[in-house]
Full PDB file with SEQRES, HELIX, SHEET, SSBOND, CRYST1, ORIGX, SCALE, CONECT and MASTER records, all heavy atoms in Angstrom:
SEQRES   1 A   41  LEU HIS LEU ASP TYR THR LEU SER GLY ASP LEU THR LYS          
SEQRES   2 A   41  GLY LEU GLU ILE PRO LYS PRO ARG LEU SER ASN ARG ILE          
SEQRES   3 A   41  LYS GLU GLY ASP ILE VAL ARG MET TYR GLN VAL TYR GLY          
SEQRES   4 A   41  GLY VAL                                                      
HELIX    1 AA1 LEU A   11  LYS A   13  5                                   3    
HELIX    2 AA2 GLU A   28  ASP A   30  5                                   3    
SHEET    1 AA1 2 ASP A   4  ASP A  10  0                                        
SHEET    2 AA1 2 ARG A  33  TYR A  38 -1                                        
CRYST1    1.000    1.000    1.000  90.00  90.00  90.00 P 1           1          
ORIGX1      1.000000  0.000000  0.000000        0.00000                         
ORIGX2      0.000000  1.000000  0.000000        0.00000                         
ORIGX3      0.000000  0.000000  1.000000        0.00000                         
SCALE1      1.000000  0.000000  0.000000        0.00000                         
SCALE2      0.000000  1.000000  0.000000        0.00000                         
SCALE3      0.000000  0.000000  1.000000        0.00000                         
ATOM      1  N   LEU A   1     -14.469  -9.514  -6.812  1.00  0.00           N  
ATOM      2  CA  LEU A   1     -14.648  -8.451  -7.803  1.00  0.00           C  
ATOM      3  C   LEU A   1     -13.774  -8.659  -9.043  1.00  0.00           C  
ATOM      4  O   LEU A   1     -13.845  -7.872  -9.984  1.00  0.00           O  
ATOM      5  CB  LEU A   1     -14.315  -7.089  -7.173  1.00  0.00           C  
ATOM      6  CG  LEU A   1     -15.243  -6.605  -6.071  1.00  0.00           C  
ATOM      7  CD1 LEU A   1     -14.656  -5.384  -5.376  1.00  0.00           C  
ATOM      8  CD2 LEU A   1     -16.623  -6.297  -6.635  1.00  0.00           C  
ATOM      9  N   HIS A   2     -12.949  -9.704  -9.025  1.00  0.00           N  
ATOM     10  CA  HIS A   2     -12.016 -10.009 -10.120  1.00  0.00           C  
ATOM     11  C   HIS A   2     -11.050  -8.853 -10.368  1.00  0.00           C  
ATOM     12  O   HIS A   2     -10.764  -8.508 -11.515  1.00  0.00           O  
ATOM     13  CB  HIS A   2     -12.767 -10.372 -11.403  1.00  0.00           C  
ATOM     14  CG  HIS A   2     -13.713 -11.512 -11.225  1.00  0.00           C  
ATOM     15  ND1 HIS A   2     -13.285 -12.815 -11.061  1.00  0.00           N  
ATOM     16  CD2 HIS A   2     -15.062 -11.542 -11.142  1.00  0.00           C  
ATOM     17  CE1 HIS A   2     -14.337 -13.597 -10.899  1.00  0.00           C  
ATOM     18  NE2 HIS A   2     -15.419 -12.852 -10.938  1.00  0.00           N  
ATOM     19  N   LEU A   3     -10.565  -8.249  -9.270  1.00  0.00           N  
ATOM     20  CA  LEU A   3      -9.590  -7.166  -9.362  1.00  0.00           C  
ATOM     21  C   LEU A   3      -8.202  -7.702  -9.040  1.00  0.00           C  
ATOM     22  O   LEU A   3      -8.022  -8.394  -8.034  1.00  0.00           O  
ATOM     23  CB  LEU A   3      -9.944  -6.034  -8.391  1.00  0.00           C  
ATOM     24  CG  LEU A   3     -11.239  -5.290  -8.690  1.00  0.00           C  
ATOM     25  CD1 LEU A   3     -11.547  -4.300  -7.577  1.00  0.00           C  
ATOM     26  CD2 LEU A   3     -11.169  -4.588 -10.035  1.00  0.00           C  
ATOM     27  N   ASP A   4      -7.255  -7.387  -9.900  1.00  0.00           N  
ATOM     28  CA  ASP A   4      -5.868  -7.781  -9.657  1.00  0.00           C  
ATOM     29  C   ASP A   4      -5.237  -6.823  -8.661  1.00  0.00           C  
ATOM     30  O   ASP A   4      -5.627  -5.648  -8.577  1.00  0.00           O  
ATOM     31  CB  ASP A   4      -5.068  -7.747 -10.954  1.00  0.00           C  
ATOM     32  CG  ASP A   4      -5.517  -8.817 -11.932  1.00  0.00           C  
ATOM     33  OD1 ASP A   4      -5.937  -9.903 -11.488  1.00  0.00           O  
ATOM     34  OD2 ASP A   4      -5.434  -8.560 -13.145  1.00  0.00           O  
ATOM     35  N   TYR A   5      -4.248  -7.314  -7.934  1.00  0.00           N  
ATOM     36  CA  TYR A   5      -3.520  -6.468  -6.989  1.00  0.00           C  
ATOM     37  C   TYR A   5      -2.103  -6.994  -6.841  1.00  0.00           C  
ATOM     38  O   TYR A   5      -1.811  -8.144  -7.142  1.00  0.00           O  
ATOM     39  CB  TYR A   5      -4.228  -6.410  -5.633  1.00  0.00           C  
ATOM     40  CG  TYR A   5      -4.362  -7.744  -4.946  1.00  0.00           C  
ATOM     41  CD1 TYR A   5      -3.379  -8.193  -4.062  1.00  0.00           C  
ATOM     42  CD2 TYR A   5      -5.471  -8.564  -5.164  1.00  0.00           C  
ATOM     43  CE1 TYR A   5      -3.503  -9.422  -3.425  1.00  0.00           C  
ATOM     44  CE2 TYR A   5      -5.597  -9.786  -4.534  1.00  0.00           C  
ATOM     45  CZ  TYR A   5      -4.604 -10.207  -3.666  1.00  0.00           C  
ATOM     46  OH  TYR A   5      -4.716 -11.427  -3.038  1.00  0.00           O  
ATOM     47  N   THR A   6      -1.229  -6.103  -6.398  1.00  0.00           N  
ATOM     48  CA  THR A   6       0.151  -6.488  -6.098  1.00  0.00           C  
ATOM     49  C   THR A   6       0.526  -5.924  -4.733  1.00  0.00           C  
ATOM     50  O   THR A   6       0.016  -4.880  -4.324  1.00  0.00           O  
ATOM     51  CB  THR A   6       1.149  -5.947  -7.145  1.00  0.00           C  
ATOM     52  OG1 THR A   6       1.040  -4.524  -7.211  1.00  0.00           O  
ATOM     53  CG2 THR A   6       0.916  -6.554  -8.516  1.00  0.00           C  
ATOM     54  N   LEU A   7       1.406  -6.625  -4.070  1.00  0.00           N  
ATOM     55  CA  LEU A   7       1.967  -6.138  -2.825  1.00  0.00           C  
ATOM     56  C   LEU A   7       3.048  -5.130  -3.199  1.00  0.00           C  
ATOM     57  O   LEU A   7       4.021  -5.474  -3.861  1.00  0.00           O  
ATOM     58  CB  LEU A   7       2.561  -7.298  -2.023  1.00  0.00           C  
ATOM     59  CG  LEU A   7       3.137  -6.960  -0.656  1.00  0.00           C  
ATOM     60  CD1 LEU A   7       2.050  -6.439   0.271  1.00  0.00           C  
ATOM     61  CD2 LEU A   7       3.790  -8.193  -0.064  1.00  0.00           C  
ATOM     62  N   SER A   8       2.871  -3.882  -2.804  1.00  0.00           N  
ATOM     63  CA  SER A   8       3.793  -2.824  -3.215  1.00  0.00           C  
ATOM     64  C   SER A   8       4.697  -2.352  -2.087  1.00  0.00           C  
ATOM     65  O   SER A   8       5.585  -1.541  -2.316  1.00  0.00           O  
ATOM     66  CB  SER A   8       3.010  -1.634  -3.768  1.00  0.00           C  
ATOM     67  OG  SER A   8       2.332  -2.023  -4.933  1.00  0.00           O  
ATOM     68  N   GLY A   9       4.453  -2.810  -0.899  1.00  0.00           N  
ATOM     69  CA  GLY A   9       5.289  -2.468   0.242  1.00  0.00           C  
ATOM     70  C   GLY A   9       4.963  -3.392   1.397  1.00  0.00           C  
ATOM     71  O   GLY A   9       3.797  -3.711   1.616  1.00  0.00           O  
ATOM     72  N   ASP A  10       6.007  -3.859   2.089  1.00  0.00           N  
ATOM     73  CA  ASP A  10       5.790  -4.760   3.220  1.00  0.00           C  
ATOM     74  C   ASP A  10       7.009  -4.686   4.127  1.00  0.00           C  
ATOM     75  O   ASP A  10       8.084  -5.178   3.772  1.00  0.00           O  
ATOM     76  CB  ASP A  10       5.574  -6.183   2.726  1.00  0.00           C  
ATOM     77  CG  ASP A  10       5.144  -7.149   3.821  1.00  0.00           C  
ATOM     78  OD1 ASP A  10       5.463  -6.898   5.010  1.00  0.00           O  
ATOM     79  OD2 ASP A  10       4.495  -8.150   3.496  1.00  0.00           O  
ATOM     80  N   LEU A  11       6.837  -4.060   5.260  1.00  0.00           N  
ATOM     81  CA  LEU A  11       7.962  -3.895   6.183  1.00  0.00           C  
ATOM     82  C   LEU A  11       8.498  -5.224   6.682  1.00  0.00           C  
ATOM     83  O   LEU A  11       9.688  -5.349   6.952  1.00  0.00           O  
ATOM     84  CB  LEU A  11       7.564  -3.007   7.365  1.00  0.00           C  
ATOM     85  CG  LEU A  11       7.237  -1.556   7.025  1.00  0.00           C  
ATOM     86  CD1 LEU A  11       6.907  -0.784   8.304  1.00  0.00           C  
ATOM     87  CD2 LEU A  11       8.371  -0.889   6.267  1.00  0.00           C  
ATOM     88  N   THR A  12       7.642  -6.243   6.790  1.00  0.00           N  
ATOM     89  CA  THR A  12       8.103  -7.552   7.278  1.00  0.00           C  
ATOM     90  C   THR A  12       9.004  -8.234   6.258  1.00  0.00           C  
ATOM     91  O   THR A  12       9.718  -9.171   6.595  1.00  0.00           O  
ATOM     92  CB  THR A  12       6.918  -8.481   7.619  1.00  0.00           C  
ATOM     93  OG1 THR A  12       6.206  -8.807   6.426  1.00  0.00           O  
ATOM     94  CG2 THR A  12       5.979  -7.830   8.627  1.00  0.00           C  
ATOM     95  N   LYS A  13       8.969  -7.766   4.995  1.00  0.00           N  
ATOM     96  CA  LYS A  13       9.812  -8.332   3.940  1.00  0.00           C  
ATOM     97  C   LYS A  13      10.888  -7.345   3.481  1.00  0.00           C  
ATOM     98  O   LYS A  13      11.549  -7.562   2.476  1.00  0.00           O  
ATOM     99  CB  LYS A  13       8.952  -8.741   2.742  1.00  0.00           C  
ATOM    100  CG  LYS A  13       7.981  -9.849   3.074  1.00  0.00           C  
ATOM    101  CD  LYS A  13       7.127 -10.204   1.882  1.00  0.00           C  
ATOM    102  CE  LYS A  13       6.168 -11.327   2.282  1.00  0.00           C  
ATOM    103  NZ  LYS A  13       5.325 -11.746   1.187  1.00  0.00           N  
ATOM    104  N   GLY A  14      11.017  -6.248   4.212  1.00  0.00           N  
ATOM    105  CA  GLY A  14      12.019  -5.245   3.869  1.00  0.00           C  
ATOM    106  C   GLY A  14      11.656  -4.380   2.681  1.00  0.00           C  
ATOM    107  O   GLY A  14      12.524  -3.716   2.117  1.00  0.00           O  
ATOM    108  N   LEU A  15      10.391  -4.369   2.283  1.00  0.00           N  
ATOM    109  CA  LEU A  15       9.943  -3.545   1.163  1.00  0.00           C  
ATOM    110  C   LEU A  15       9.374  -2.228   1.692  1.00  0.00           C  
ATOM    111  O   LEU A  15       8.412  -2.234   2.470  1.00  0.00           O  
ATOM    112  CB  LEU A  15       8.864  -4.272   0.349  1.00  0.00           C  
ATOM    113  CG  LEU A  15       9.246  -5.613  -0.256  1.00  0.00           C  
ATOM    114  CD1 LEU A  15       8.017  -6.294  -0.850  1.00  0.00           C  
ATOM    115  CD2 LEU A  15      10.313  -5.421  -1.312  1.00  0.00           C  
ATOM    116  N   GLU A  16       9.966  -1.122   1.280  1.00  0.00           N  
ATOM    117  CA  GLU A  16       9.530   0.194   1.740  1.00  0.00           C  
ATOM    118  C   GLU A  16       8.076   0.453   1.333  1.00  0.00           C  
ATOM    119  O   GLU A  16       7.644   0.064   0.247  1.00  0.00           O  
ATOM    120  CB  GLU A  16      10.429   1.272   1.131  1.00  0.00           C  
ATOM    121  CG  GLU A  16      10.133   2.646   1.645  1.00  0.00           C  
ATOM    122  CD  GLU A  16      11.089   3.690   1.071  1.00  0.00           C  
ATOM    123  OE1 GLU A  16      12.216   3.317   0.693  1.00  0.00           O  
ATOM    124  OE2 GLU A  16      10.694   4.852   1.007  1.00  0.00           O  
ATOM    125  N   ILE A  17       7.364   1.142   2.197  1.00  0.00           N  
ATOM    126  CA  ILE A  17       5.964   1.476   1.938  1.00  0.00           C  
ATOM    127  C   ILE A  17       5.884   2.938   1.517  1.00  0.00           C  
ATOM    128  O   ILE A  17       6.312   3.820   2.260  1.00  0.00           O  
ATOM    129  CB  ILE A  17       5.097   1.241   3.190  1.00  0.00           C  
ATOM    130  CG1 ILE A  17       5.127  -0.244   3.553  1.00  0.00           C  
ATOM    131  CG2 ILE A  17       3.672   1.729   2.965  1.00  0.00           C  
ATOM    132  CD1 ILE A  17       4.469  -0.577   4.860  1.00  0.00           C  
ATOM    133  N   PRO A  18       5.340   3.193   0.327  1.00  0.00           N  
ATOM    134  CA  PRO A  18       5.166   4.581  -0.098  1.00  0.00           C  
ATOM    135  C   PRO A  18       4.217   5.316   0.851  1.00  0.00           C  
ATOM    136  O   PRO A  18       3.297   4.714   1.411  1.00  0.00           O  
ATOM    137  CB  PRO A  18       4.541   4.472  -1.488  1.00  0.00           C  
ATOM    138  CG  PRO A  18       4.813   3.076  -1.931  1.00  0.00           C  
ATOM    139  CD  PRO A  18       4.902   2.250  -0.689  1.00  0.00           C  
ATOM    140  N   LYS A  19       4.442   6.609   1.026  1.00  0.00           N  
ATOM    141  CA  LYS A  19       3.580   7.411   1.883  1.00  0.00           C  
ATOM    142  C   LYS A  19       2.233   7.641   1.200  1.00  0.00           C  
ATOM    143  O   LYS A  19       2.157   7.761  -0.018  1.00  0.00           O  
ATOM    144  CB  LYS A  19       4.216   8.770   2.148  1.00  0.00           C  
ATOM    145  CG  LYS A  19       5.446   8.706   2.989  1.00  0.00           C  
ATOM    146  CD  LYS A  19       6.007  10.087   3.223  1.00  0.00           C  
ATOM    147  CE  LYS A  19       7.276   9.996   4.033  1.00  0.00           C  
ATOM    148  NZ  LYS A  19       7.850  11.304   4.308  1.00  0.00           N  
ATOM    149  N   PRO A  20       1.166   7.715   1.998  1.00  0.00           N  
ATOM    150  CA  PRO A  20      -0.129   8.089   1.429  1.00  0.00           C  
ATOM    151  C   PRO A  20      -0.027   9.460   0.768  1.00  0.00           C  
ATOM    152  O   PRO A  20       0.662  10.345   1.274  1.00  0.00           O  
ATOM    153  CB  PRO A  20      -1.061   8.132   2.639  1.00  0.00           C  
ATOM    154  CG  PRO A  20      -0.397   7.282   3.665  1.00  0.00           C  
ATOM    155  CD  PRO A  20       1.070   7.443   3.428  1.00  0.00           C  
ATOM    156  N   ARG A  21      -0.714   9.632  -0.335  1.00  0.00           N  
ATOM    157  CA  ARG A  21      -0.657  10.897  -1.075  1.00  0.00           C  
ATOM    158  C   ARG A  21      -1.769  11.867  -0.697  1.00  0.00           C  
ATOM    159  O   ARG A  21      -1.598  13.068  -0.814  1.00  0.00           O  
ATOM    160  CB  ARG A  21      -0.773  10.617  -2.574  1.00  0.00           C  
ATOM    161  CG  ARG A  21       0.363   9.830  -3.126  1.00  0.00           C  
ATOM    162  CD  ARG A  21       0.153   9.593  -4.613  1.00  0.00           C  
ATOM    163  NE  ARG A  21       1.143   8.637  -5.088  1.00  0.00           N  
ATOM    164  CZ  ARG A  21       0.998   7.914  -6.156  1.00  0.00           C  
ATOM    165  NH1 ARG A  21      -0.084   8.021  -6.886  1.00  0.00           N  
ATOM    166  NH2 ARG A  21       1.934   7.075  -6.530  1.00  0.00           N  
ATOM    167  N   LEU A  22      -2.913  11.339  -0.301  1.00  0.00           N  
ATOM    168  CA  LEU A  22      -4.094  12.188  -0.143  1.00  0.00           C  
ATOM    169  C   LEU A  22      -4.456  12.519   1.295  1.00  0.00           C  
ATOM    170  O   LEU A  22      -5.395  13.264   1.524  1.00  0.00           O  
ATOM    171  CB  LEU A  22      -5.298  11.531  -0.835  1.00  0.00           C  
ATOM    172  CG  LEU A  22      -5.116  11.224  -2.328  1.00  0.00           C  
ATOM    173  CD1 LEU A  22      -6.377  10.572  -2.888  1.00  0.00           C  
ATOM    174  CD2 LEU A  22      -4.772  12.481  -3.098  1.00  0.00           C  
ATOM    175  N   SER A  23      -3.749  11.956   2.256  1.00  0.00           N  
ATOM    176  CA  SER A  23      -4.063  12.252   3.654  1.00  0.00           C  
ATOM    177  C   SER A  23      -2.799  12.194   4.494  1.00  0.00           C  
ATOM    178  O   SER A  23      -1.931  11.360   4.262  1.00  0.00           O  
ATOM    179  CB  SER A  23      -5.079  11.250   4.209  1.00  0.00           C  
ATOM    180  OG  SER A  23      -5.309  11.507   5.577  1.00  0.00           O  
ATOM    181  N   ASN A  24      -2.720  13.083   5.461  1.00  0.00           N  
ATOM    182  CA  ASN A  24      -1.613  13.037   6.419  1.00  0.00           C  
ATOM    183  C   ASN A  24      -2.095  12.527   7.774  1.00  0.00           C  
ATOM    184  O   ASN A  24      -1.384  12.622   8.755  1.00  0.00           O  
ATOM    185  CB  ASN A  24      -0.956  14.419   6.556  1.00  0.00           C  
ATOM    186  CG  ASN A  24      -1.933  15.475   7.030  1.00  0.00           C  
ATOM    187  OD1 ASN A  24      -3.088  15.177   7.336  1.00  0.00           O  
ATOM    188  ND2 ASN A  24      -1.480  16.706   7.073  1.00  0.00           N  
ATOM    189  N   ARG A  25      -3.290  11.956   7.804  1.00  0.00           N  
ATOM    190  CA  ARG A  25      -3.856  11.450   9.056  1.00  0.00           C  
ATOM    191  C   ARG A  25      -3.450  10.007   9.343  1.00  0.00           C  
ATOM    192  O   ARG A  25      -3.791   9.471  10.381  1.00  0.00           O  
ATOM    193  CB  ARG A  25      -5.369  11.586   9.035  1.00  0.00           C  
ATOM    194  CG  ARG A  25      -5.790  13.040   9.057  1.00  0.00           C  
ATOM    195  CD  ARG A  25      -7.257  13.305   8.900  1.00  0.00           C  
ATOM    196  NE  ARG A  25      -8.126  12.325   9.483  1.00  0.00           N  
ATOM    197  CZ  ARG A  25      -9.422  12.262   9.253  1.00  0.00           C  
ATOM    198  NH1 ARG A  25      -9.993  13.128   8.436  1.00  0.00           N  
ATOM    199  NH2 ARG A  25     -10.166  11.343   9.815  1.00  0.00           N  
ATOM    200  N   ILE A  26      -2.723   9.382   8.417  1.00  0.00           N  
ATOM    201  CA  ILE A  26      -2.271   8.011   8.611  1.00  0.00           C  
ATOM    202  C   ILE A  26      -0.872   8.057   9.214  1.00  0.00           C  
ATOM    203  O   ILE A  26       0.026   8.694   8.662  1.00  0.00           O  
ATOM    204  CB  ILE A  26      -2.242   7.241   7.265  1.00  0.00           C  
ATOM    205  CG1 ILE A  26      -3.623   7.230   6.622  1.00  0.00           C  
ATOM    206  CG2 ILE A  26      -1.690   5.836   7.446  1.00  0.00           C  
ATOM    207  CD1 ILE A  26      -4.696   6.566   7.447  1.00  0.00           C  
ATOM    208  N   LYS A  27      -0.672   7.391  10.341  1.00  0.00           N  
ATOM    209  CA  LYS A  27       0.644   7.363  10.995  1.00  0.00           C  
ATOM    210  C   LYS A  27       1.512   6.307  10.316  1.00  0.00           C  
ATOM    211  O   LYS A  27       1.166   5.125  10.303  1.00  0.00           O  
ATOM    212  CB  LYS A  27       0.491   7.046  12.481  1.00  0.00           C  
ATOM    213  CG  LYS A  27      -0.244   8.120  13.239  1.00  0.00           C  
ATOM    214  CD  LYS A  27      -0.372   7.741  14.695  1.00  0.00           C  
ATOM    215  CE  LYS A  27      -1.192   8.769  15.430  1.00  0.00           C  
ATOM    216  NZ  LYS A  27      -1.451   8.365  16.801  1.00  0.00           N  
ATOM    217  N   GLU A  28       2.632   6.764   9.745  1.00  0.00           N  
ATOM    218  CA  GLU A  28       3.519   5.852   9.027  1.00  0.00           C  
ATOM    219  C   GLU A  28       3.935   4.649   9.864  1.00  0.00           C  
ATOM    220  O   GLU A  28       4.013   3.542   9.352  1.00  0.00           O  
ATOM    221  CB  GLU A  28       4.772   6.594   8.562  1.00  0.00           C  
ATOM    222  CG  GLU A  28       4.508   7.534   7.412  1.00  0.00           C  
ATOM    223  CD  GLU A  28       5.776   8.207   6.966  1.00  0.00           C  
ATOM    224  OE1 GLU A  28       6.781   7.506   6.723  1.00  0.00           O  
ATOM    225  OE2 GLU A  28       5.766   9.446   6.876  1.00  0.00           O  
ATOM    226  N   GLY A  29       4.211   4.836  11.129  1.00  0.00           N  
ATOM    227  CA  GLY A  29       4.660   3.754  11.990  1.00  0.00           C  
ATOM    228  C   GLY A  29       3.611   2.685  12.231  1.00  0.00           C  
ATOM    229  O   GLY A  29       3.935   1.579  12.658  1.00  0.00           O  
ATOM    230  N   ASP A  30       2.360   2.989  11.939  1.00  0.00           N  
ATOM    231  CA  ASP A  30       1.276   2.024  12.135  1.00  0.00           C  
ATOM    232  C   ASP A  30       1.070   1.117  10.925  1.00  0.00           C  
ATOM    233  O   ASP A  30       0.442   0.077  11.021  1.00  0.00           O  
ATOM    234  CB  ASP A  30      -0.044   2.752  12.422  1.00  0.00           C  
ATOM    235  CG  ASP A  30      -0.044   3.434  13.777  1.00  0.00           C  
ATOM    236  OD1 ASP A  30       0.828   3.128  14.604  1.00  0.00           O  
ATOM    237  OD2 ASP A  30      -0.919   4.286  13.992  1.00  0.00           O  
ATOM    238  N   ILE A  31       1.581   1.520   9.764  1.00  0.00           N  
ATOM    239  CA  ILE A  31       1.348   0.796   8.507  1.00  0.00           C  
ATOM    240  C   ILE A  31       2.459  -0.220   8.273  1.00  0.00           C  
ATOM    241  O   ILE A  31       3.637   0.097   8.388  1.00  0.00           O  
ATOM    242  CB  ILE A  31       1.271   1.782   7.319  1.00  0.00           C  
ATOM    243  CG1 ILE A  31       0.156   2.815   7.545  1.00  0.00           C  
ATOM    244  CG2 ILE A  31       1.080   1.044   6.003  1.00  0.00           C  
ATOM    245  CD1 ILE A  31      -1.238   2.231   7.685  1.00  0.00           C  
ATOM    246  N   VAL A  32       2.071  -1.460   7.939  1.00  0.00           N  
ATOM    247  CA  VAL A  32       3.066  -2.514   7.687  1.00  0.00           C  
ATOM    248  C   VAL A  32       3.036  -3.042   6.250  1.00  0.00           C  
ATOM    249  O   VAL A  32       4.005  -3.640   5.796  1.00  0.00           O  
ATOM    250  CB  VAL A  32       2.926  -3.701   8.664  1.00  0.00           C  
ATOM    251  CG1 VAL A  32       3.234  -3.253  10.087  1.00  0.00           C  
ATOM    252  CG2 VAL A  32       1.572  -4.352   8.569  1.00  0.00           C  
ATOM    253  N   ARG A  33       1.914  -2.826   5.545  1.00  0.00           N  
ATOM    254  CA  ARG A  33       1.797  -3.314   4.173  1.00  0.00           C  
ATOM    255  C   ARG A  33       0.992  -2.336   3.323  1.00  0.00           C  
ATOM    256  O   ARG A  33       0.129  -1.634   3.825  1.00  0.00           O  
ATOM    257  CB  ARG A  33       1.082  -4.670   4.121  1.00  0.00           C  
ATOM    258  CG  ARG A  33       2.008  -5.845   4.045  1.00  0.00           C  
ATOM    259  CD  ARG A  33       1.282  -7.173   3.957  1.00  0.00           C  
ATOM    260  NE  ARG A  33       0.352  -7.443   5.040  1.00  0.00           N  
ATOM    261  CZ  ARG A  33       0.701  -7.687   6.311  1.00  0.00           C  
ATOM    262  NH1 ARG A  33       1.961  -7.687   6.666  1.00  0.00           N  
ATOM    263  NH2 ARG A  33      -0.217  -7.929   7.212  1.00  0.00           N  
ATOM    264  N   MET A  34       1.283  -2.362   2.009  1.00  0.00           N  
ATOM    265  CA  MET A  34       0.516  -1.553   1.067  1.00  0.00           C  
ATOM    266  C   MET A  34       0.351  -2.344  -0.220  1.00  0.00           C  
ATOM    267  O   MET A  34       1.305  -2.937  -0.722  1.00  0.00           O  
ATOM    268  CB  MET A  34       1.229  -0.235   0.770  1.00  0.00           C  
ATOM    269  CG  MET A  34       0.350   0.822   0.096  1.00  0.00           C  
ATOM    270  SD  MET A  34       0.246   0.759  -1.682  1.00  0.00           S  
ATOM    271  CE  MET A  34       1.849   1.296  -2.170  1.00  0.00           C  
ATOM    272  N   TYR A  35      -0.883  -2.400  -0.700  1.00  0.00           N  
ATOM    273  CA  TYR A  35      -1.209  -3.065  -1.957  1.00  0.00           C  
ATOM    274  C   TYR A  35      -1.605  -2.025  -2.993  1.00  0.00           C  
ATOM    275  O   TYR A  35      -2.177  -0.988  -2.645  1.00  0.00           O  
ATOM    276  CB  TYR A  35      -2.410  -4.005  -1.777  1.00  0.00           C  
ATOM    277  CG  TYR A  35      -2.175  -5.177  -0.881  1.00  0.00           C  
ATOM    278  CD1 TYR A  35      -2.480  -5.125   0.480  1.00  0.00           C  
ATOM    279  CD2 TYR A  35      -1.657  -6.371  -1.377  1.00  0.00           C  
ATOM    280  CE1 TYR A  35      -2.274  -6.210   1.309  1.00  0.00           C  
ATOM    281  CE2 TYR A  35      -1.451  -7.469  -0.553  1.00  0.00           C  
ATOM    282  CZ  TYR A  35      -1.763  -7.380   0.787  1.00  0.00           C  
ATOM    283  OH  TYR A  35      -1.561  -8.466   1.604  1.00  0.00           O  
ATOM    284  N   GLN A  36      -1.335  -2.334  -4.254  1.00  0.00           N  
ATOM    285  CA  GLN A  36      -1.911  -1.581  -5.359  1.00  0.00           C  
ATOM    286  C   GLN A  36      -2.963  -2.466  -5.991  1.00  0.00           C  
ATOM    287  O   GLN A  36      -2.697  -3.625  -6.317  1.00  0.00           O  
ATOM    288  CB  GLN A  36      -0.863  -1.189  -6.391  1.00  0.00           C  
ATOM    289  CG  GLN A  36      -0.050  -0.018  -5.954  1.00  0.00           C  
ATOM    290  CD  GLN A  36       0.567   0.753  -7.102  1.00  0.00           C  
ATOM    291  OE1 GLN A  36       0.851   1.907  -6.895  1.00  0.00           O  
ATOM    292  NE2 GLN A  36       0.764   0.185  -8.270  1.00  0.00           N  
ATOM    293  N   VAL A  37      -4.157  -1.921  -6.143  1.00  0.00           N  
ATOM    294  CA  VAL A  37      -5.284  -2.640  -6.725  1.00  0.00           C  
ATOM    295  C   VAL A  37      -5.542  -2.028  -8.096  1.00  0.00           C  
ATOM    296  O   VAL A  37      -5.615  -0.806  -8.237  1.00  0.00           O  
ATOM    297  CB  VAL A  37      -6.542  -2.517  -5.839  1.00  0.00           C  
ATOM    298  CG1 VAL A  37      -7.730  -3.195  -6.484  1.00  0.00           C  
ATOM    299  CG2 VAL A  37      -6.273  -3.084  -4.449  1.00  0.00           C  
ATOM    300  N   TYR A  38      -5.685  -2.896  -9.089  1.00  0.00           N  
ATOM    301  CA  TYR A  38      -5.848  -2.444 -10.462  1.00  0.00           C  
ATOM    302  C   TYR A  38      -7.295  -2.592 -10.892  1.00  0.00           C  
ATOM    303  O   TYR A  38      -7.797  -3.699 -11.055  1.00  0.00           O  
ATOM    304  CB  TYR A  38      -4.914  -3.229 -11.387  1.00  0.00           C  
ATOM    305  CG  TYR A  38      -3.488  -3.112 -10.927  1.00  0.00           C  
ATOM    306  CD1 TYR A  38      -2.911  -4.109 -10.143  1.00  0.00           C  
ATOM    307  CD2 TYR A  38      -2.743  -1.980 -11.214  1.00  0.00           C  
ATOM    308  CE1 TYR A  38      -1.610  -3.985  -9.681  1.00  0.00           C  
ATOM    309  CE2 TYR A  38      -1.436  -1.843 -10.749  1.00  0.00           C  
ATOM    310  CZ  TYR A  38      -0.878  -2.858  -9.989  1.00  0.00           C  
ATOM    311  OH  TYR A  38       0.396  -2.726  -9.518  1.00  0.00           O  
ATOM    312  N   GLY A  39      -7.953  -1.458 -11.075  1.00  0.00           N  
ATOM    313  CA  GLY A  39      -9.335  -1.441 -11.525  1.00  0.00           C  
ATOM    314  C   GLY A  39      -9.382  -1.380 -13.037  1.00  0.00           C  
ATOM    315  O   GLY A  39      -8.416  -1.681 -13.730  1.00  0.00           O  
ATOM    316  N   GLY A  40     -10.496  -0.953 -13.546  1.00  0.00           N  
ATOM    317  CA  GLY A  40     -10.692  -0.903 -14.988  1.00  0.00           C  
ATOM    318  C   GLY A  40      -9.923   0.216 -15.660  1.00  0.00           C  
ATOM    319  O   GLY A  40      -9.343   1.090 -15.020  1.00  0.00           O  
ATOM    320  N   VAL A  41      -9.931   0.181 -16.987  1.00  0.00           N  
ATOM    321  CA  VAL A  41      -9.291   1.205 -17.805  1.00  0.00           C  
ATOM    322  C   VAL A  41     -10.381   1.984 -18.519  1.00  0.00           C  
ATOM    323  O   VAL A  41     -11.292   1.401 -19.111  1.00  0.00           O  
ATOM    324  CB  VAL A  41      -8.331   0.567 -18.836  1.00  0.00           C  
ATOM    325  CG1 VAL A  41      -7.776   1.611 -19.789  1.00  0.00           C  
ATOM    326  CG2 VAL A  41      -7.216  -0.169 -18.124  1.00  0.00           C  
TER     327      VAL A  41                                                      
MASTER        0    0    0    2    2    0    0    6  326    1    0    4          
END                                                                             
């Protein structure tokens, strides 16, 4: 899709993972990585 992204959190690299903003159904302990994907402007 030619979308840029960055790794914004990774527990295996000691990078804190921001909490999801729109749902509380995701268990924090289950998440190990978070990416930010940059779409159009």
